[in-house]
Amino acid sequence: FTTPSGRLSEEVVSGSSETIQLTVKNIGTLPLNELAIS
């Protein structure tokens, strides 16, 4: 679980919204089902 660029920091202006891209990857050999993001 990381970001496409590997960067884990962001700047946000108070009172606004910011979009962040995240990436989940299955690096095992078995399928992963029902992955929940919180």
PDB file of all heavy atoms in Angstrom:
ATOM      1  N   PHE A   1       0.864  -1.181   0.000  1.00  0.00           N
ATOM      2  CA  PHE A   1       0.000   0.000   0.000  1.00  0.00           C
ATOM      3  C   PHE A   1       0.897   1.226   0.000  1.00  0.00           C
ATOM      4  O   PHE A   1       1.679   1.449   0.927  1.00  0.00           O
ATOM      5  CB  PHE A   1      -0.890  -0.028   1.243  1.00  0.00           C
ATOM      6  CG  PHE A   1      -1.986   0.994   1.252  1.00  0.00           C
ATOM      7  CD1 PHE A   1      -2.570   1.447   0.081  1.00  0.00           C
ATOM      8  CD2 PHE A   1      -2.465   1.504   2.460  1.00  0.00           C
ATOM      9  CE1 PHE A   1      -3.599   2.373   0.097  1.00  0.00           C
ATOM     10  CE2 PHE A   1      -3.481   2.433   2.493  1.00  0.00           C
ATOM     11  CZ  PHE A   1      -4.052   2.869   1.309  1.00  0.00           C
ATOM     12  N   THR A   2       0.802   2.040  -1.057  1.00  0.00           N
ATOM     13  CA  THR A   2       1.675   3.206  -1.174  1.00  0.00           C
ATOM     14  C   THR A   2       1.024   4.218  -2.123  1.00  0.00           C
ATOM     15  O   THR A   2      -0.189   4.186  -2.335  1.00  0.00           O
ATOM     16  CB  THR A   2       3.076   2.781  -1.681  1.00  0.00           C
ATOM     17  OG1 THR A   2       3.932   3.919  -1.730  1.00  0.00           O
ATOM     18  CG2 THR A   2       3.014   2.116  -3.034  1.00  0.00           C
ATOM     19  N   THR A   3       1.827   5.099  -2.695  1.00  0.00           N
ATOM     20  CA  THR A   3       1.369   6.041  -3.716  1.00  0.00           C
ATOM     21  C   THR A   3       2.105   5.744  -5.017  1.00  0.00           C
ATOM     22  O   THR A   3       3.172   5.121  -4.994  1.00  0.00           O
ATOM     23  CB  THR A   3       1.633   7.495  -3.282  1.00  0.00           C
ATOM     24  OG1 THR A   3       3.054   7.680  -3.156  1.00  0.00           O
ATOM     25  CG2 THR A   3       0.971   7.799  -1.953  1.00  0.00           C
ATOM     26  N   PRO A   4       1.570   6.164  -6.174  1.00  0.00           N
ATOM     27  CA  PRO A   4       2.250   5.891  -7.446  1.00  0.00           C
ATOM     28  C   PRO A   4       3.688   6.400  -7.480  1.00  0.00           C
ATOM     29  O   PRO A   4       4.570   5.771  -8.065  1.00  0.00           O
ATOM     30  CB  PRO A   4       1.372   6.618  -8.470  1.00  0.00           C
ATOM     31  CG  PRO A   4       0.013   6.658  -7.850  1.00  0.00           C
ATOM     32  CD  PRO A   4       0.256   6.817  -6.379  1.00  0.00           C
ATOM     33  N   SER A   5       3.956   7.520  -6.833  1.00  0.00           N
ATOM     34  CA  SER A   5       5.305   8.100  -6.844  1.00  0.00           C
ATOM     35  C   SER A   5       6.136   7.690  -5.626  1.00  0.00           C
ATOM     36  O   SER A   5       7.339   7.914  -5.601  1.00  0.00           O
ATOM     37  CB  SER A   5       5.207   9.628  -6.886  1.00  0.00           C
ATOM     38  OG  SER A   5       4.589  10.121  -5.702  1.00  0.00           O
ATOM     39  N   GLY A   6       5.487   7.103  -4.637  1.00  0.00           N
ATOM     40  CA  GLY A   6       6.170   6.764  -3.397  1.00  0.00           C
ATOM     41  C   GLY A   6       6.220   7.916  -2.408  1.00  0.00           C
ATOM     42  O   GLY A   6       6.669   7.749  -1.274  1.00  0.00           O
ATOM     43  N   ARG A   7       5.725   9.071  -2.808  1.00  0.00           N
ATOM     44  CA  ARG A   7       5.733  10.253  -1.940  1.00  0.00           C
ATOM     45  C   ARG A   7       4.615  10.136  -0.908  1.00  0.00           C
ATOM     46  O   ARG A   7       3.470   9.815  -1.250  1.00  0.00           O
ATOM     47  CB  ARG A   7       5.542  11.514  -2.783  1.00  0.00           C
ATOM     48  CG  ARG A   7       5.520  12.809  -1.985  1.00  0.00           C
ATOM     49  CD  ARG A   7       5.223  13.988  -2.907  1.00  0.00           C
ATOM     50  NE  ARG A   7       5.032  15.220  -2.154  1.00  0.00           N
ATOM     51  CZ  ARG A   7       4.609  16.361  -2.698  1.00  0.00           C
ATOM     52  NH1 ARG A   7       4.338  16.414  -3.989  1.00  0.00           N
ATOM     53  NH2 ARG A   7       4.454  17.442  -1.949  1.00  0.00           N
ATOM     54  N   LEU A   8       4.921  10.444   0.348  1.00  0.00           N
ATOM     55  CA  LEU A   8       3.946  10.322   1.427  1.00  0.00           C
ATOM     56  C   LEU A   8       3.772  11.644   2.169  1.00  0.00           C
ATOM     57  O   LEU A   8       3.711  11.682   3.397  1.00  0.00           O
ATOM     58  CB  LEU A   8       4.365   9.215   2.407  1.00  0.00           C
ATOM     59  CG  LEU A   8       4.450   7.801   1.825  1.00  0.00           C
ATOM     60  CD1 LEU A   8       4.936   6.826   2.868  1.00  0.00           C
ATOM     61  CD2 LEU A   8       3.088   7.359   1.283  1.00  0.00           C
ATOM     62  N   SER A   9       3.691  12.731   1.405  1.00  0.00           N
ATOM     63  CA  SER A   9       3.462  14.047   2.005  1.00  0.00           C
ATOM     64  C   SER A   9       2.656  14.896   1.027  1.00  0.00           C
ATOM     65  O   SER A   9       2.691  14.672  -0.188  1.00  0.00           O
ATOM     66  CB  SER A   9       4.785  14.737   2.350  1.00  0.00           C
ATOM     67  OG  SER A   9       5.540  14.968   1.168  1.00  0.00           O
ATOM     68  N   GLU A  10       1.933  15.880   1.579  1.00  0.00           N
ATOM     69  CA  GLU A  10       1.103  16.735   0.741  1.00  0.00           C
ATOM     70  C   GLU A  10       0.876  18.056   1.457  1.00  0.00           C
ATOM     71  O   GLU A  10       0.951  18.138   2.690  1.00  0.00           O
ATOM     72  CB  GLU A  10      -0.241  16.050   0.472  1.00  0.00           C
ATOM     73  CG  GLU A  10      -1.060  16.709  -0.616  1.00  0.00           C
ATOM     74  CD  GLU A  10      -0.337  16.699  -1.954  1.00  0.00           C
ATOM     75  OE1 GLU A  10      -0.230  15.618  -2.577  1.00  0.00           O
ATOM     76  OE2 GLU A  10       0.127  17.793  -2.352  1.00  0.00           O
ATOM     77  N   GLU A  11       0.632  19.108   0.660  1.00  0.00           N
ATOM     78  CA  GLU A  11       0.305  20.425   1.204  1.00  0.00           C
ATOM     79  C   GLU A  11      -1.160  20.712   0.938  1.00  0.00           C
ATOM     80  O   GLU A  11      -1.659  20.483  -0.169  1.00  0.00           O
ATOM     81  CB  GLU A  11       1.181  21.508   0.571  1.00  0.00           C
ATOM     82  CG  GLU A  11       2.652  21.380   0.916  1.00  0.00           C
ATOM     83  CD  GLU A  11       3.478  22.504   0.306  1.00  0.00           C
ATOM     84  OE1 GLU A  11       2.882  23.371  -0.394  1.00  0.00           O
ATOM     85  OE2 GLU A  11       4.705  22.534   0.528  1.00  0.00           O
ATOM     86  N   VAL A  12      -1.852  21.222   1.970  1.00  0.00           N
ATOM     87  CA  VAL A  12      -3.283  21.523   1.856  1.00  0.00           C
ATOM     88  C   VAL A  12      -3.537  22.893   2.465  1.00  0.00           C
ATOM     89  O   VAL A  12      -2.987  23.230   3.516  1.00  0.00           O
ATOM     90  CB  VAL A  12      -4.132  20.458   2.580  1.00  0.00           C
ATOM     91  CG1 VAL A  12      -5.619  20.763   2.406  1.00  0.00           C
ATOM     92  CG2 VAL A  12      -3.817  19.076   2.081  1.00  0.00           C
ATOM     93  N   VAL A  13      -4.395  23.661   1.796  1.00  0.00           N
ATOM     94  CA  VAL A  13      -4.783  24.970   2.315  1.00  0.00           C
ATOM     95  C   VAL A  13      -5.946  24.786   3.278  1.00  0.00           C
ATOM     96  O   VAL A  13      -6.885  24.038   2.999  1.00  0.00           O
ATOM     97  CB  VAL A  13      -5.168  25.922   1.172  1.00  0.00           C
ATOM     98  CG1 VAL A  13      -5.678  27.256   1.730  1.00  0.00           C
ATOM     99  CG2 VAL A  13      -3.985  26.158   0.258  1.00  0.00           C
ATOM    100  N   SER A  14      -5.871  25.425   4.422  1.00  0.00           N
ATOM    101  CA  SER A  14      -6.927  25.336   5.422  1.00  0.00           C
ATOM    102  C   SER A  14      -8.282  25.691   4.817  1.00  0.00           C
ATOM    103  O   SER A  14      -8.422  26.684   4.111  1.00  0.00           O
ATOM    104  CB  SER A  14      -6.609  26.283   6.583  1.00  0.00           C
ATOM    105  OG  SER A  14      -7.642  26.270   7.524  1.00  0.00           O
ATOM    106  N   GLY A  15      -9.292  24.843   5.060  1.00  0.00           N
ATOM    107  CA  GLY A  15     -10.632  25.083   4.543  1.00  0.00           C
ATOM    108  C   GLY A  15     -10.861  24.553   3.146  1.00  0.00           C
ATOM    109  O   GLY A  15     -11.923  24.790   2.566  1.00  0.00           O
ATOM    110  N   SER A  16      -9.895  23.817   2.578  1.00  0.00           N
ATOM    111  CA  SER A  16     -10.036  23.310   1.215  1.00  0.00           C
ATOM    112  C   SER A  16      -9.896  21.787   1.195  1.00  0.00           C
ATOM    113  O   SER A  16      -9.703  21.144   2.223  1.00  0.00           O
ATOM    114  CB  SER A  16      -8.990  23.942   0.302  1.00  0.00           C
ATOM    115  OG  SER A  16      -7.694  23.501   0.671  1.00  0.00           O
ATOM    116  N   SER A  17     -10.006  21.226   0.014  1.00  0.00           N
ATOM    117  CA  SER A  17      -9.858  19.779  -0.184  1.00  0.00           C
ATOM    118  C   SER A  17      -8.668  19.498  -1.083  1.00  0.00           C
ATOM    119  O   SER A  17      -8.299  20.321  -1.922  1.00  0.00           O
ATOM    120  CB  SER A  17     -11.129  19.190  -0.803  1.00  0.00           C
ATOM    121  OG  SER A  17     -12.243  19.381   0.035  1.00  0.00           O
ATOM    122  N   GLU A  18      -8.072  18.316  -0.902  1.00  0.00           N
ATOM    123  CA  GLU A  18      -6.924  17.914  -1.718  1.00  0.00           C
ATOM    124  C   GLU A  18      -7.110  16.458  -2.143  1.00  0.00           C
ATOM    125  O   GLU A  18      -7.528  15.611  -1.356  1.00  0.00           O
ATOM    126  CB  GLU A  18      -5.628  18.084  -0.931  1.00  0.00           C
ATOM    127  CG  GLU A  18      -4.375  17.863  -1.752  1.00  0.00           C
ATOM    128  CD  GLU A  18      -4.144  18.978  -2.758  1.00  0.00           C
ATOM    129  OE1 GLU A  18      -4.641  20.117  -2.534  1.00  0.00           O
ATOM    130  OE2 GLU A  18      -3.461  18.722  -3.768  1.00  0.00           O
ATOM    131  N   THR A  19      -6.784  16.188  -3.395  1.00  0.00           N
ATOM    132  CA  THR A  19      -6.893  14.821  -3.923  1.00  0.00           C
ATOM    133  C   THR A  19      -5.541  14.127  -3.829  1.00  0.00           C
ATOM    134  O   THR A  19      -4.518  14.680  -4.243  1.00  0.00           O
ATOM    135  CB  THR A  19      -7.370  14.835  -5.385  1.00  0.00           C
ATOM    136  OG1 THR A  19      -8.670  15.424  -5.448  1.00  0.00           O
ATOM    137  CG2 THR A  19      -7.449  13.416  -5.945  1.00  0.00           C
ATOM    138  N   ILE A  20      -5.557  12.906  -3.295  1.00  0.00           N
ATOM    139  CA  ILE A  20      -4.334  12.109  -3.130  1.00  0.00           C
ATOM    140  C   ILE A  20      -4.532  10.766  -3.827  1.00  0.00           C
ATOM    141  O   ILE A  20      -5.548  10.101  -3.628  1.00  0.00           O
ATOM    142  CB  ILE A  20      -4.017  11.885  -1.637  1.00  0.00           C
ATOM    143  CG1 ILE A  20      -3.843  13.225  -0.926  1.00  0.00           C
ATOM    144  CG2 ILE A  20      -2.784  11.004  -1.467  1.00  0.00           C
ATOM    145  CD1 ILE A  20      -3.697  13.105   0.579  1.00  0.00           C
ATOM    146  N   GLN A  21      -3.573  10.375  -4.627  1.00  0.00           N
ATOM    147  CA  GLN A  21      -3.624   9.092  -5.324  1.00  0.00           C
ATOM    148  C   GLN A  21      -2.906   8.020  -4.492  1.00  0.00           C
ATOM    149  O   GLN A  21      -1.771   8.211  -4.073  1.00  0.00           O
ATOM    150  CB  GLN A  21      -2.978   9.204  -6.708  1.00  0.00           C
ATOM    151  CG  GLN A  21      -3.702  10.132  -7.664  1.00  0.00           C
ATOM    152  CD  GLN A  21      -5.140   9.678  -7.934  1.00  0.00           C
ATOM    153  OE1 GLN A  21      -5.409   8.488  -8.062  1.00  0.00           O
ATOM    154  NE2 GLN A  21      -6.041  10.644  -8.007  1.00  0.00           N
ATOM    155  N   LEU A  22      -3.597   6.903  -4.278  1.00  0.00           N
ATOM    156  CA  LEU A  22      -3.053   5.776  -3.533  1.00  0.00           C
ATOM    157  C   LEU A  22      -3.041   4.538  -4.430  1.00  0.00           C
ATOM    158  O   LEU A  22      -3.828   4.444  -5.374  1.00  0.00           O
ATOM    159  CB  LEU A  22      -3.884   5.491  -2.283  1.00  0.00           C
ATOM    160  CG  LEU A  22      -4.109   6.661  -1.323  1.00  0.00           C
ATOM    161  CD1 LEU A  22      -5.097   6.271  -0.233  1.00  0.00           C
ATOM    162  CD2 LEU A  22      -2.794   7.115  -0.709  1.00  0.00           C
ATOM    163  N   THR A  23      -2.154   3.598  -4.117  1.00  0.00           N
ATOM    164  CA  THR A  23      -2.036   2.368  -4.903  1.00  0.00           C
ATOM    165  C   THR A  23      -1.992   1.156  -3.972  1.00  0.00           C
ATOM    166  O   THR A  23      -1.211   1.133  -3.021  1.00  0.00           O
ATOM    167  CB  THR A  23      -0.765   2.371  -5.769  1.00  0.00           C
ATOM    168  OG1 THR A  23      -0.788   3.502  -6.641  1.00  0.00           O
ATOM    169  CG2 THR A  23      -0.681   1.099  -6.607  1.00  0.00           C
ATOM    170  N   VAL A  24      -2.851   0.171  -4.263  1.00  0.00           N
ATOM    171  CA  VAL A  24      -2.776  -1.116  -3.562  1.00  0.00           C
ATOM    172  C   VAL A  24      -2.316  -2.162  -4.580  1.00  0.00           C
ATOM    173  O   VAL A  24      -2.806  -2.214  -5.707  1.00  0.00           O
ATOM    174  CB  VAL A  24      -4.128  -1.527  -2.946  1.00  0.00           C
ATOM    175  CG1 VAL A  24      -4.447  -0.691  -1.750  1.00  0.00           C
ATOM    176  CG2 VAL A  24      -5.253  -1.451  -3.958  1.00  0.00           C
ATOM    177  N   LYS A  25      -1.358  -2.991  -4.178  1.00  0.00           N
ATOM    178  CA  LYS A  25      -0.822  -4.011  -5.074  1.00  0.00           C
ATOM    179  C   LYS A  25      -0.737  -5.345  -4.356  1.00  0.00           C
ATOM    180  O   LYS A  25      -0.315  -5.425  -3.200  1.00  0.00           O
ATOM    181  CB  LYS A  25       0.576  -3.615  -5.576  1.00  0.00           C
ATOM    182  CG  LYS A  25       1.153  -4.590  -6.607  1.00  0.00           C
ATOM    183  CD  LYS A  25       2.486  -4.105  -7.154  1.00  0.00           C
ATOM    184  CE  LYS A  25       3.027  -5.072  -8.198  1.00  0.00           C
ATOM    185  NZ  LYS A  25       4.326  -4.619  -8.758  1.00  0.00           N
ATOM    186  N   ASN A  26      -1.142  -6.391  -5.059  1.00  0.00           N
ATOM    187  CA  ASN A  26      -1.057  -7.755  -4.529  1.00  0.00           C
ATOM    188  C   ASN A  26       0.313  -8.322  -4.888  1.00  0.00           C
ATOM    189  O   ASN A  26       0.569  -8.673  -6.039  1.00  0.00           O
ATOM    190  CB  ASN A  26      -2.177  -8.618  -5.113  1.00  0.00           C
ATOM    191  CG  ASN A  26      -2.200 -10.011  -4.521  1.00  0.00           C
ATOM    192  OD1 ASN A  26      -1.307 -10.413  -3.783  1.00  0.00           O
ATOM    193  ND2 ASN A  26      -3.241 -10.769  -4.848  1.00  0.00           N
ATOM    194  N   ILE A  27       1.206  -8.419  -3.902  1.00  0.00           N
ATOM    195  CA  ILE A  27       2.548  -8.940  -4.155  1.00  0.00           C
ATOM    196  C   ILE A  27       2.690 -10.386  -3.676  1.00  0.00           C
ATOM    197  O   ILE A  27       3.787 -10.925  -3.625  1.00  0.00           O
ATOM    198  CB  ILE A  27       3.622  -8.053  -3.487  1.00  0.00           C
ATOM    199  CG1 ILE A  27       3.383  -7.937  -1.986  1.00  0.00           C
ATOM    200  CG2 ILE A  27       3.639  -6.676  -4.120  1.00  0.00           C
ATOM    201  CD1 ILE A  27       4.472  -7.170  -1.248  1.00  0.00           C
ATOM    202  N   GLY A  28       1.551 -11.012  -3.324  1.00  0.00           N
ATOM    203  CA  GLY A  28       1.552 -12.420  -2.950  1.00  0.00           C
ATOM    204  C   GLY A  28       1.242 -13.298  -4.146  1.00  0.00           C
ATOM    205  O   GLY A  28       1.304 -12.869  -5.302  1.00  0.00           O
ATOM    206  N   THR A  29       0.873 -14.547  -3.861  1.00  0.00           N
ATOM    207  CA  THR A  29       0.546 -15.500  -4.924  1.00  0.00           C
ATOM    208  C   THR A  29      -0.924 -15.897  -4.927  1.00  0.00           C
ATOM    209  O   THR A  29      -1.366 -16.615  -5.815  1.00  0.00           O
ATOM    210  CB  THR A  29       1.395 -16.771  -4.790  1.00  0.00           C
ATOM    211  OG1 THR A  29       1.125 -17.399  -3.529  1.00  0.00           O
ATOM    212  CG2 THR A  29       2.884 -16.440  -4.874  1.00  0.00           C
ATOM    213  N   LEU A  30      -1.699 -15.422  -3.932  1.00  0.00           N
ATOM    214  CA  LEU A  30      -3.125 -15.740  -3.837  1.00  0.00           C
ATOM    215  C   LEU A  30      -3.951 -14.473  -3.994  1.00  0.00           C
ATOM    216  O   LEU A  30      -3.499 -13.376  -3.639  1.00  0.00           O
ATOM    217  CB  LEU A  30      -3.443 -16.384  -2.478  1.00  0.00           C
ATOM    218  CG  LEU A  30      -2.766 -17.724  -2.192  1.00  0.00           C
ATOM    219  CD1 LEU A  30      -3.022 -18.134  -0.748  1.00  0.00           C
ATOM    220  CD2 LEU A  30      -3.251 -18.802  -3.154  1.00  0.00           C
ATOM    221  N   PRO A  31      -5.178 -14.573  -4.524  1.00  0.00           N
ATOM    222  CA  PRO A  31      -6.028 -13.388  -4.692  1.00  0.00           C
ATOM    223  C   PRO A  31      -6.386 -12.759  -3.353  1.00  0.00           C
ATOM    224  O   PRO A  31      -6.555 -13.451  -2.346  1.00  0.00           O
ATOM    225  CB  PRO A  31      -7.282 -13.945  -5.387  1.00  0.00           C
ATOM    226  CG  PRO A  31      -6.872 -15.253  -5.975  1.00  0.00           C
ATOM    227  CD  PRO A  31      -5.813 -15.793  -5.065  1.00  0.00           C
ATOM    228  N   LEU A  32      -6.503 -11.444  -3.349  1.00  0.00           N
ATOM    229  CA  LEU A  32      -6.962 -10.698  -2.173  1.00  0.00           C
ATOM    230  C   LEU A  32      -8.372 -10.201  -2.455  1.00  0.00           C
ATOM    231  O   LEU A  32      -8.593  -9.481  -3.431  1.00  0.00           O
ATOM    232  CB  LEU A  32      -6.023  -9.522  -1.890  1.00  0.00           C
ATOM    233  CG  LEU A  32      -4.617  -9.883  -1.407  1.00  0.00           C
ATOM    234  CD1 LEU A  32      -3.718  -8.650  -1.452  1.00  0.00           C
ATOM    235  CD2 LEU A  32      -4.650 -10.464  -0.005  1.00  0.00           C
ATOM    236  N   ASN A  33      -9.323 -10.575  -1.605  1.00  0.00           N
ATOM    237  CA  ASN A  33     -10.719 -10.225  -1.811  1.00  0.00           C
ATOM    238  C   ASN A  33     -11.201  -9.234  -0.753  1.00  0.00           C
ATOM    239  O   ASN A  33     -10.733  -9.241   0.385  1.00  0.00           O
ATOM    240  CB  ASN A  33     -11.601 -11.479  -1.762  1.00  0.00           C
ATOM    241  CG  ASN A  33     -11.226 -12.476  -2.843  1.00  0.00           C
ATOM    242  OD1 ASN A  33     -10.920 -12.095  -3.970  1.00  0.00           O
ATOM    243  ND2 ASN A  33     -11.236 -13.749  -2.500  1.00  0.00           N
ATOM    244  N   GLU A  34     -12.158  -8.400  -1.156  1.00  0.00           N
ATOM    245  CA  GLU A  34     -12.810  -7.457  -0.243  1.00  0.00           C
ATOM    246  C   GLU A  34     -11.812  -6.584   0.509  1.00  0.00           C
ATOM    247  O   GLU A  34     -11.810  -6.499   1.736  1.00  0.00           O
ATOM    248  CB  GLU A  34     -13.701  -8.212   0.748  1.00  0.00           C
ATOM    249  CG  GLU A  34     -14.810  -9.031   0.110  1.00  0.00           C
ATOM    250  CD  GLU A  34     -15.850  -8.165  -0.595  1.00  0.00           C
ATOM    251  OE1 GLU A  34     -16.029  -6.996  -0.183  1.00  0.00           O
ATOM    252  OE2 GLU A  34     -16.473  -8.652  -1.552  1.00  0.00           O
ATOM    253  N   LEU A  35     -10.969  -5.883  -0.242  1.00  0.00           N
ATOM    254  CA  LEU A  35     -10.025  -4.945   0.361  1.00  0.00           C
ATOM    255  C   LEU A  35     -10.755  -3.640   0.688  1.00  0.00           C
ATOM    256  O   LEU A  35     -11.290  -2.977  -0.203  1.00  0.00           O
ATOM    257  CB  LEU A  35      -8.864  -4.664  -0.584  1.00  0.00           C
ATOM    258  CG  LEU A  35      -7.723  -5.679  -0.643  1.00  0.00           C
ATOM    259  CD1 LEU A  35      -6.790  -5.346  -1.795  1.00  0.00           C
ATOM    260  CD2 LEU A  35      -6.952  -5.705   0.669  1.00  0.00           C
ATOM    261  N   ALA A  36     -10.764  -3.264   1.953  1.00  0.00           N
ATOM    262  CA  ALA A  36     -11.442  -2.043   2.388  1.00  0.00           C
ATOM    263  C   ALA A  36     -10.411  -0.952   2.683  1.00  0.00           C
ATOM    264  O   ALA A  36      -9.393  -1.215   3.327  1.00  0.00           O
ATOM    265  CB  ALA A  36     -12.293  -2.316   3.617  1.00  0.00           C
ATOM    266  N   ILE A  37     -10.703   0.271   2.234  1.00  0.00           N
ATOM    267  CA  ILE A  37      -9.819   1.412   2.455  1.00  0.00           C
ATOM    268  C   ILE A  37     -10.454   2.316   3.508  1.00  0.00           C
ATOM    269  O   ILE A  37     -11.619   2.674   3.414  1.00  0.00           O
ATOM    270  CB  ILE A  37      -9.586   2.213   1.156  1.00  0.00           C
ATOM    271  CG1 ILE A  37      -9.266   1.267  -0.015  1.00  0.00           C
ATOM    272  CG2 ILE A  37      -8.476   3.228   1.349  1.00  0.00           C
ATOM    273  CD1 ILE A  37      -8.026   0.439   0.180  1.00  0.00           C
ATOM    274  N   SER A  38      -9.675   2.681   4.527  1.00  0.00           N
ATOM    275  CA  SER A  38     -10.197   3.532   5.597  1.00  0.00           C
ATOM    276  C   SER A  38      -9.130   4.532   6.020  1.00  0.00           C
ATOM    277  O   SER A  38      -7.989   4.488   5.547  1.00  0.00           O
ATOM    278  CB  SER A  38     -10.646   2.686   6.790  1.00  0.00           C
ATOM    279  OG  SER A  38      -9.560   1.946   7.306  1.00  0.00           O
TER     280      SER A  38
END
